[in-house]
Amino acid sequence: MTGFSAIITKEDEWYVSWCPELDIASQGKTVEGALENLREAIELYLEDEDAEIPERKPLITTLEIKHEKTAHPVVS
């Protein structure tokens, strides 16, 4: 079993999930739905005999930026 990263963003009424290692994305009405759809998309990708799994894993973190545009939280 191999683990992959999943990054989730909210776009309008949908949650978009993205796997940066494989550059595969999916969406769902809920976070759980977006993750399940991403899981299915990754599994389908891996069924292809030419599918490649990169050896490098991304290091994903957050940065805090102090700027006038970041002074107010974005409401979605």
PDB file of N, CA and C in Angstrom:
ATOM      1  N   MET A   1       0.854  -1.180   0.000  1.00  0.00           N
ATOM      2  CA  MET A   1       0.000   0.000   0.000  1.00  0.00           C
ATOM      3  C   MET A   1       0.896   1.237   0.000  1.00  0.00           C
ATOM      4  N   THR A   2       0.558   2.206  -0.844  1.00  0.00           N
ATOM      5  CA  THR A   2       1.313   3.449  -0.940  1.00  0.00           C
ATOM      6  C   THR A   2       0.396   4.611  -0.633  1.00  0.00           C
ATOM      7  N   GLY A   3       0.890   5.551   0.106  1.00  0.00           N
ATOM      8  CA  GLY A   3       0.121   6.752   0.406  1.00  0.00           C
ATOM      9  C   GLY A   3       0.466   7.872  -0.557  1.00  0.00           C
ATOM     10  N   PHE A   4      -0.524   8.668  -0.904  1.00  0.00           N
ATOM     11  CA  PHE A   4      -0.338   9.833  -1.759  1.00  0.00           C
ATOM     12  C   PHE A   4      -0.875  11.060  -1.044  1.00  0.00           C
ATOM     13  N   SER A   5      -0.374  12.216  -1.420  1.00  0.00           N
ATOM     14  CA  SER A   5      -0.855  13.480  -0.859  1.00  0.00           C
ATOM     15  C   SER A   5      -2.168  13.873  -1.513  1.00  0.00           C
ATOM     16  N   ALA A   6      -2.996  14.563  -0.763  1.00  0.00           N
ATOM     17  CA  ALA A   6      -4.240  15.113  -1.302  1.00  0.00           C
ATOM     18  C   ALA A   6      -4.378  16.545  -0.797  1.00  0.00           C
ATOM     19  N   ILE A   7      -4.525  17.458  -1.716  1.00  0.00           N
ATOM     20  CA  ILE A   7      -4.743  18.866  -1.387  1.00  0.00           C
ATOM     21  C   ILE A   7      -6.176  19.188  -1.768  1.00  0.00           C
ATOM     22  N   ILE A   8      -6.906  19.788  -0.850  1.00  0.00           N
ATOM     23  CA  ILE A   8      -8.324  20.063  -1.084  1.00  0.00           C
ATOM     24  C   ILE A   8      -8.566  21.567  -0.996  1.00  0.00           C
ATOM     25  N   THR A   9      -9.273  22.081  -1.987  1.00  0.00           N
ATOM     26  CA  THR A   9      -9.689  23.483  -1.980  1.00  0.00           C
ATOM     27  C   THR A   9     -11.182  23.533  -2.237  1.00  0.00           C
ATOM     28  N   LYS A  10     -11.807  24.606  -1.781  1.00  0.00           N
ATOM     29  CA  LYS A  10     -13.245  24.789  -2.027  1.00  0.00           C
ATOM     30  C   LYS A  10     -13.393  25.790  -3.147  1.00  0.00           C
ATOM     31  N   GLU A  11     -14.101  25.384  -4.188  1.00  0.00           N
ATOM     32  CA  GLU A  11     -14.366  26.254  -5.327  1.00  0.00           C
ATOM     33  C   GLU A  11     -15.866  26.297  -5.553  1.00  0.00           C
ATOM     34  N   ASP A  12     -16.436  27.433  -5.250  1.00  0.00           N
ATOM     35  CA  ASP A  12     -17.889  27.608  -5.298  1.00  0.00           C
ATOM     36  C   ASP A  12     -18.550  26.549  -4.412  1.00  0.00           C
ATOM     37  N   GLU A  13     -19.389  25.692  -4.987  1.00  0.00           N
ATOM     38  CA  GLU A  13     -20.106  24.692  -4.191  1.00  0.00           C
ATOM     39  C   GLU A  13     -19.386  23.346  -4.155  1.00  0.00           C
ATOM     40  N   TRP A  14     -18.214  23.248  -4.761  1.00  0.00           N
ATOM     41  CA  TRP A  14     -17.504  21.978  -4.878  1.00  0.00           C
ATOM     42  C   TRP A  14     -16.200  21.999  -4.097  1.00  0.00           C
ATOM     43  N   TYR A  15     -15.805  20.837  -3.622  1.00  0.00           N
ATOM     44  CA  TYR A  15     -14.472  20.652  -3.066  1.00  0.00           C
ATOM     45  C   TYR A  15     -13.638  19.968  -4.148  1.00  0.00           C
ATOM     46  N   VAL A  16     -12.494  20.543  -4.453  1.00  0.00           N
ATOM     47  CA  VAL A  16     -11.605  19.996  -5.470  1.00  0.00           C
ATOM     48  C   VAL A  16     -10.432  19.344  -4.759  1.00  0.00           C
ATOM     49  N   SER A  17     -10.163  18.093  -5.090  1.00  0.00           N
ATOM     50  CA  SER A  17      -9.045  17.365  -4.485  1.00  0.00           C
ATOM     51  C   SER A  17      -8.002  17.118  -5.566  1.00  0.00           C
ATOM     52  N   TRP A  18      -6.737  17.266  -5.189  1.00  0.00           N
ATOM     53  CA  TRP A  18      -5.641  17.151  -6.149  1.00  0.00           C
ATOM     54  C   TRP A  18      -4.510  16.350  -5.529  1.00  0.00           C
ATOM     55  N   CYS A  19      -3.985  15.400  -6.282  1.00  0.00           N
ATOM     56  CA  CYS A  19      -2.830  14.613  -5.872  1.00  0.00           C
ATOM     57  C   CYS A  19      -1.617  15.163  -6.612  1.00  0.00           C
ATOM     58  N   PRO A  20      -0.722  15.899  -5.939  1.00  0.00           N
ATOM     59  CA  PRO A  20       0.409  16.517  -6.630  1.00  0.00           C
ATOM     60  C   PRO A  20       1.434  15.519  -7.167  1.00  0.00           C
ATOM     61  N   GLU A  21       1.578  14.352  -6.542  1.00  0.00           N
ATOM     62  CA  GLU A  21       2.551  13.375  -7.033  1.00  0.00           C
ATOM     63  C   GLU A  21       2.197  12.888  -8.431  1.00  0.00           C
ATOM     64  N   LEU A  22       0.903  12.713  -8.688  1.00  0.00           N
ATOM     65  CA  LEU A  22       0.459  12.151  -9.962  1.00  0.00           C
ATOM     66  C   LEU A  22      -0.215  13.188 -10.853  1.00  0.00           C
ATOM     67  N   ASP A  23      -0.425  14.381 -10.331  1.00  0.00           N
ATOM     68  CA  ASP A  23      -1.129  15.460 -11.027  1.00  0.00           C
ATOM     69  C   ASP A  23      -2.507  14.992 -11.496  1.00  0.00           C
ATOM     70  N   ILE A  24      -3.250  14.430 -10.546  1.00  0.00           N
ATOM     71  CA  ILE A  24      -4.612  13.952 -10.789  1.00  0.00           C
ATOM     72  C   ILE A  24      -5.546  14.737  -9.875  1.00  0.00           C
ATOM     73  N   ALA A  25      -6.677  15.159 -10.423  1.00  0.00           N
ATOM     74  CA  ALA A  25      -7.641  15.923  -9.631  1.00  0.00           C
ATOM     75  C   ALA A  25      -9.030  15.324  -9.783  1.00  0.00           C
ATOM     76  N   SER A  26      -9.864  15.616  -8.788  1.00  0.00           N
ATOM     77  CA  SER A  26     -11.265  15.217  -8.826  1.00  0.00           C
ATOM     78  C   SER A  26     -12.039  16.216  -7.981  1.00  0.00           C
ATOM     79  N   GLN A  27     -13.315  15.981  -7.798  1.00  0.00           N
ATOM     80  CA  GLN A  27     -14.132  16.900  -7.006  1.00  0.00           C
ATOM     81  C   GLN A  27     -15.283  16.160  -6.349  1.00  0.00           C
ATOM     82  N   GLY A  28     -15.921  16.839  -5.409  1.00  0.00           N
ATOM     83  CA  GLY A  28     -17.086  16.288  -4.737  1.00  0.00           C
ATOM     84  C   GLY A  28     -17.827  17.384  -4.007  1.00  0.00           C
ATOM     85  N   LYS A  29     -19.043  17.095  -3.620  1.00  0.00           N
ATOM     86  CA  LYS A  29     -19.862  18.079  -2.884  1.00  0.00           C
ATOM     87  C   LYS A  29     -19.410  18.236  -1.438  1.00  0.00           C
ATOM     88  N   THR A  30     -18.680  17.228  -0.917  1.00  0.00           N
ATOM     89  CA  THR A  30     -18.146  17.279   0.442  1.00  0.00           C
ATOM     90  C   THR A  30     -16.658  16.950   0.384  1.00  0.00           C
ATOM     91  N   VAL A  31     -15.941  17.219   1.467  1.00  0.00           N
ATOM     92  CA  VAL A  31     -14.524  16.861   1.540  1.00  0.00           C
ATOM     93  C   VAL A  31     -14.381  15.351   1.375  1.00  0.00           C
ATOM     94  N   GLU A  32     -15.219  14.608   2.080  1.00  0.00           N
ATOM     95  CA  GLU A  32     -15.146  13.151   2.007  1.00  0.00           C
ATOM     96  C   GLU A  32     -15.427  12.661   0.586  1.00  0.00           C
ATOM     97  N   GLY A  33     -16.409  13.263  -0.076  1.00  0.00           N
ATOM     98  CA  GLY A  33     -16.736  12.892  -1.445  1.00  0.00           C
ATOM     99  C   GLY A  33     -15.603  13.210  -2.406  1.00  0.00           C
ATOM    100  N   ALA A  34     -14.967  14.367  -2.220  1.00  0.00           N
ATOM    101  CA  ALA A  34     -13.839  14.742  -3.078  1.00  0.00           C
ATOM    102  C   ALA A  34     -12.678  13.780  -2.889  1.00  0.00           C
ATOM    103  N   LEU A  35     -12.416  13.370  -1.652  1.00  0.00           N
ATOM    104  CA  LEU A  35     -11.332  12.415  -1.393  1.00  0.00           C
ATOM    105  C   LEU A  35     -11.650  11.041  -1.970  1.00  0.00           C
ATOM    106  N   GLU A  36     -12.880  10.591  -1.829  1.00  0.00           N
ATOM    107  CA  GLU A  36     -13.261   9.291  -2.383  1.00  0.00           C
ATOM    108  C   GLU A  36     -13.156   9.294  -3.904  1.00  0.00           C
ATOM    109  N   ASN A  37     -13.594  10.382  -4.533  1.00  0.00           N
ATOM    110  CA  ASN A  37     -13.490  10.479  -5.986  1.00  0.00           C
ATOM    111  C   ASN A  37     -12.034  10.546  -6.439  1.00  0.00           C
ATOM    112  N   LEU A  38     -11.183  11.212  -5.658  1.00  0.00           N
ATOM    113  CA  LEU A  38      -9.752  11.249  -5.976  1.00  0.00           C
ATOM    114  C   LEU A  38      -9.146   9.860  -5.831  1.00  0.00           C
ATOM    115  N   ARG A  39      -9.526   9.143  -4.788  1.00  0.00           N
ATOM    116  CA  ARG A  39      -9.039   7.768  -4.593  1.00  0.00           C
ATOM    117  C   ARG A  39      -9.385   6.902  -5.806  1.00  0.00           C
ATOM    118  N   GLU A  40     -10.626   7.004  -6.269  1.00  0.00           N
ATOM    119  CA  GLU A  40     -11.042   6.240  -7.446  1.00  0.00           C
ATOM    120  C   GLU A  40     -10.264   6.650  -8.695  1.00  0.00           C
ATOM    121  N   ALA A  41     -10.033   7.951  -8.862  1.00  0.00           N
ATOM    122  CA  ALA A  41      -9.285   8.434 -10.030  1.00  0.00           C
ATOM    123  C   ALA A  41      -7.847   7.920 -10.004  1.00  0.00           C
ATOM    124  N   ILE A  42      -7.233   7.895  -8.813  1.00  0.00           N
ATOM    125  CA  ILE A  42      -5.862   7.383  -8.690  1.00  0.00           C
ATOM    126  C   ILE A  42      -5.830   5.887  -8.995  1.00  0.00           C
ATOM    127  N   GLU A  43      -6.798   5.150  -8.469  1.00  0.00           N
ATOM    128  CA  GLU A  43      -6.845   3.706  -8.728  1.00  0.00           C
ATOM    129  C   GLU A  43      -7.005   3.422 -10.220  1.00  0.00           C
ATOM    130  N   LEU A  44      -7.843   4.192 -10.896  1.00  0.00           N
ATOM    131  CA  LEU A  44      -8.003   4.019 -12.344  1.00  0.00           C
ATOM    132  C   LEU A  44      -6.706   4.336 -13.082  1.00  0.00           C
ATOM    133  N   TYR A  45      -6.028   5.407 -12.654  1.00  0.00           N
ATOM    134  CA  TYR A  45      -4.753   5.767 -13.264  1.00  0.00           C
ATOM    135  C   TYR A  45      -3.740   4.633 -13.113  1.00  0.00           C
ATOM    136  N   LEU A  46      -3.681   4.043 -11.936  1.00  0.00           N
ATOM    137  CA  LEU A  46      -2.693   2.997 -11.665  1.00  0.00           C
ATOM    138  C   LEU A  46      -2.985   1.699 -12.423  1.00  0.00           C
ATOM    139  N   GLU A  47      -4.218   1.518 -12.890  1.00  0.00           N
ATOM    140  CA  GLU A  47      -4.539   0.339 -13.684  1.00  0.00           C
ATOM    141  C   GLU A  47      -3.876   0.371 -15.058  1.00  0.00           C
ATOM    142  N   ASP A  48      -3.496   1.551 -15.523  1.00  0.00           N
ATOM    143  CA  ASP A  48      -2.827   1.681 -16.825  1.00  0.00           C
ATOM    144  C   ASP A  48      -1.417   1.114 -16.708  1.00  0.00           C
ATOM    145  N   GLU A  49      -1.057   0.230 -17.608  1.00  0.00           N
ATOM    146  CA  GLU A  49       0.266  -0.408 -17.539  1.00  0.00           C
ATOM    147  C   GLU A  49       1.404   0.583 -17.711  1.00  0.00           C
ATOM    148  N   ASP A  50       1.141   1.752 -18.302  1.00  0.00           N
ATOM    149  CA  ASP A  50       2.184   2.769 -18.489  1.00  0.00           C
ATOM    150  C   ASP A  50       2.232   3.779 -17.337  1.00  0.00           C
ATOM    151  N   ALA A  51       1.384   3.595 -16.340  1.00  0.00           N
ATOM    152  CA  ALA A  51       1.349   4.534 -15.212  1.00  0.00           C
ATOM    153  C   ALA A  51       2.674   4.509 -14.463  1.00  0.00           C
ATOM    154  N   GLU A  52       3.153   5.691 -14.122  1.00  0.00           N
ATOM    155  CA  GLU A  52       4.404   5.809 -13.376  1.00  0.00           C
ATOM    156  C   GLU A  52       4.140   6.457 -12.030  1.00  0.00           C
ATOM    157  N   ILE A  53       4.813   5.942 -11.028  1.00  0.00           N
ATOM    158  CA  ILE A  53       4.726   6.519  -9.694  1.00  0.00           C
ATOM    159  C   ILE A  53       6.072   7.165  -9.394  1.00  0.00           C
ATOM    160  N   PRO A  54       6.096   8.485  -9.231  1.00  0.00           N
ATOM    161  CA  PRO A  54       7.363   9.150  -8.944  1.00  0.00           C
ATOM    162  C   PRO A  54       7.941   8.701  -7.610  1.00  0.00           C
ATOM    163  N   GLU A  55       9.263   8.652  -7.534  1.00  0.00           N
ATOM    164  CA  GLU A  55       9.919   8.242  -6.288  1.00  0.00           C
ATOM    165  C   GLU A  55       9.946   9.371  -5.263  1.00  0.00           C
ATOM    166  N   ARG A  56       9.863  10.597  -5.740  1.00  0.00           N
ATOM    167  CA  ARG A  56       9.915  11.739  -4.820  1.00  0.00           C
ATOM    168  C   ARG A  56       8.529  12.038  -4.278  1.00  0.00           C
ATOM    169  N   LYS A  57       8.483  12.392  -3.020  1.00  0.00           N
ATOM    170  CA  LYS A  57       7.243  12.820  -2.374  1.00  0.00           C
ATOM    171  C   LYS A  57       7.355  14.322  -2.102  1.00  0.00           C
ATOM    172  N   PRO A  58       6.300  15.070  -2.367  1.00  0.00           N
ATOM    173  CA  PRO A  58       6.371  16.505  -2.074  1.00  0.00           C
ATOM    174  C   PRO A  58       6.295  16.748  -0.566  1.00  0.00           C
ATOM    175  N   LEU A  59       6.926  17.793  -0.134  1.00  0.00           N
ATOM    176  CA  LEU A  59       6.792  18.257   1.244  1.00  0.00           C
ATOM    177  C   LEU A  59       5.827  19.432   1.181  1.00  0.00           C
ATOM    178  N   ILE A  60       4.674  19.254   1.764  1.00  0.00           N
ATOM    179  CA  ILE A  60       3.638  20.276   1.700  1.00  0.00           C
ATOM    180  C   ILE A  60       3.514  20.926   3.072  1.00  0.00           C
ATOM    181  N   THR A  61       3.574  22.235   3.085  1.00  0.00           N
ATOM    182  CA  THR A  61       3.477  22.987   4.324  1.00  0.00           C
ATOM    183  C   THR A  61       2.738  24.284   4.048  1.00  0.00           C
ATOM    184  N   THR A  62       2.591  25.123   5.027  1.00  0.00           N
ATOM    185  CA  THR A  62       1.962  26.426   4.844  1.00  0.00           C
ATOM    186  C   THR A  62       2.945  27.514   5.258  1.00  0.00           C
ATOM    187  N   LEU A  63       2.761  28.675   4.687  1.00  0.00           N
ATOM    188  CA  LEU A  63       3.557  29.848   5.041  1.00  0.00           C
ATOM    189  C   LEU A  63       2.617  30.930   5.516  1.00  0.00           C
ATOM    190  N   GLU A  64       3.000  31.632   6.561  1.00  0.00           N
ATOM    191  CA  GLU A  64       2.209  32.769   6.993  1.00  0.00           C
ATOM    192  C   GLU A  64       2.822  34.014   6.379  1.00  0.00           C
ATOM    193  N   ILE A  65       1.984  34.786   5.702  1.00  0.00           N
ATOM    194  CA  ILE A  65       2.417  35.985   5.010  1.00  0.00           C
ATOM    195  C   ILE A  65       1.678  37.173   5.602  1.00  0.00           C
ATOM    196  N   LYS A  66       2.437  38.187   5.995  1.00  0.00           N
ATOM    197  CA  LYS A  66       1.824  39.398   6.519  1.00  0.00           C
ATOM    198  C   LYS A  66       1.816  40.424   5.385  1.00  0.00           C
ATOM    199  N   HIS A  67       0.621  40.709   4.903  1.00  0.00           N
ATOM    200  CA  HIS A  67       0.449  41.643   3.795  1.00  0.00           C
ATOM    201  C   HIS A  67      -0.955  42.208   3.901  1.00  0.00           C
ATOM    202  N   GLU A  68      -1.149  43.401   3.378  1.00  0.00           N
ATOM    203  CA  GLU A  68      -2.473  44.023   3.483  1.00  0.00           C
ATOM    204  C   GLU A  68      -3.575  43.176   2.846  1.00  0.00           C
ATOM    205  N   LYS A  69      -3.248  42.400   1.808  1.00  0.00           N
ATOM    206  CA  LYS A  69      -4.251  41.548   1.173  1.00  0.00           C
ATOM    207  C   LYS A  69      -4.605  40.344   2.025  1.00  0.00           C
ATOM    208  N   THR A  70      -3.777  39.992   2.992  1.00  0.00           N
ATOM    209  CA  THR A  70      -4.051  38.847   3.844  1.00  0.00           C
ATOM    210  C   THR A  70      -4.569  39.256   5.221  1.00  0.00           C
ATOM    211  N   ALA A  71      -4.824  40.537   5.409  1.00  0.00           N
ATOM    212  CA  ALA A  71      -5.261  41.040   6.706  1.00  0.00           C
ATOM    213  C   ALA A  71      -6.681  40.594   7.055  1.00  0.00           C
ATOM    214  N   HIS A  72      -7.501  40.349   6.055  1.00  0.00           N
ATOM    215  CA  HIS A  72      -8.896  39.966   6.276  1.00  0.00           C
ATOM    216  C   HIS A  72      -9.110  38.554   5.750  1.00  0.00           C
ATOM    217  N   PRO A  73      -9.727  37.708   6.557  1.00  0.00           N
ATOM    218  CA  PRO A  73      -9.974  36.343   6.095  1.00  0.00           C
ATOM    219  C   PRO A  73     -10.936  36.322   4.898  1.00  0.00           C
ATOM    220  N   VAL A  74     -10.706  35.402   4.014  1.00  0.00           N
ATOM    221  CA  VAL A  74     -11.592  35.221   2.861  1.00  0.00           C
ATOM    222  C   VAL A  74     -12.732  34.328   3.290  1.00  0.00           C
ATOM    223  N   VAL A  75     -13.949  34.757   3.067  1.00  0.00           N
ATOM    224  CA  VAL A  75     -15.121  33.977   3.434  1.00  0.00           C
ATOM    225  C   VAL A  75     -15.611  33.253   2.196  1.00  0.00           C
ATOM    226  N   SER A  76     -15.753  31.927   2.339  1.00  0.00           N
ATOM    227  CA  SER A  76     -16.253  31.161   1.181  1.00  0.00           C
ATOM    228  C   SER A  76     -17.520  30.431   1.529  1.00  0.00           C
TER     229      SER A  76
END
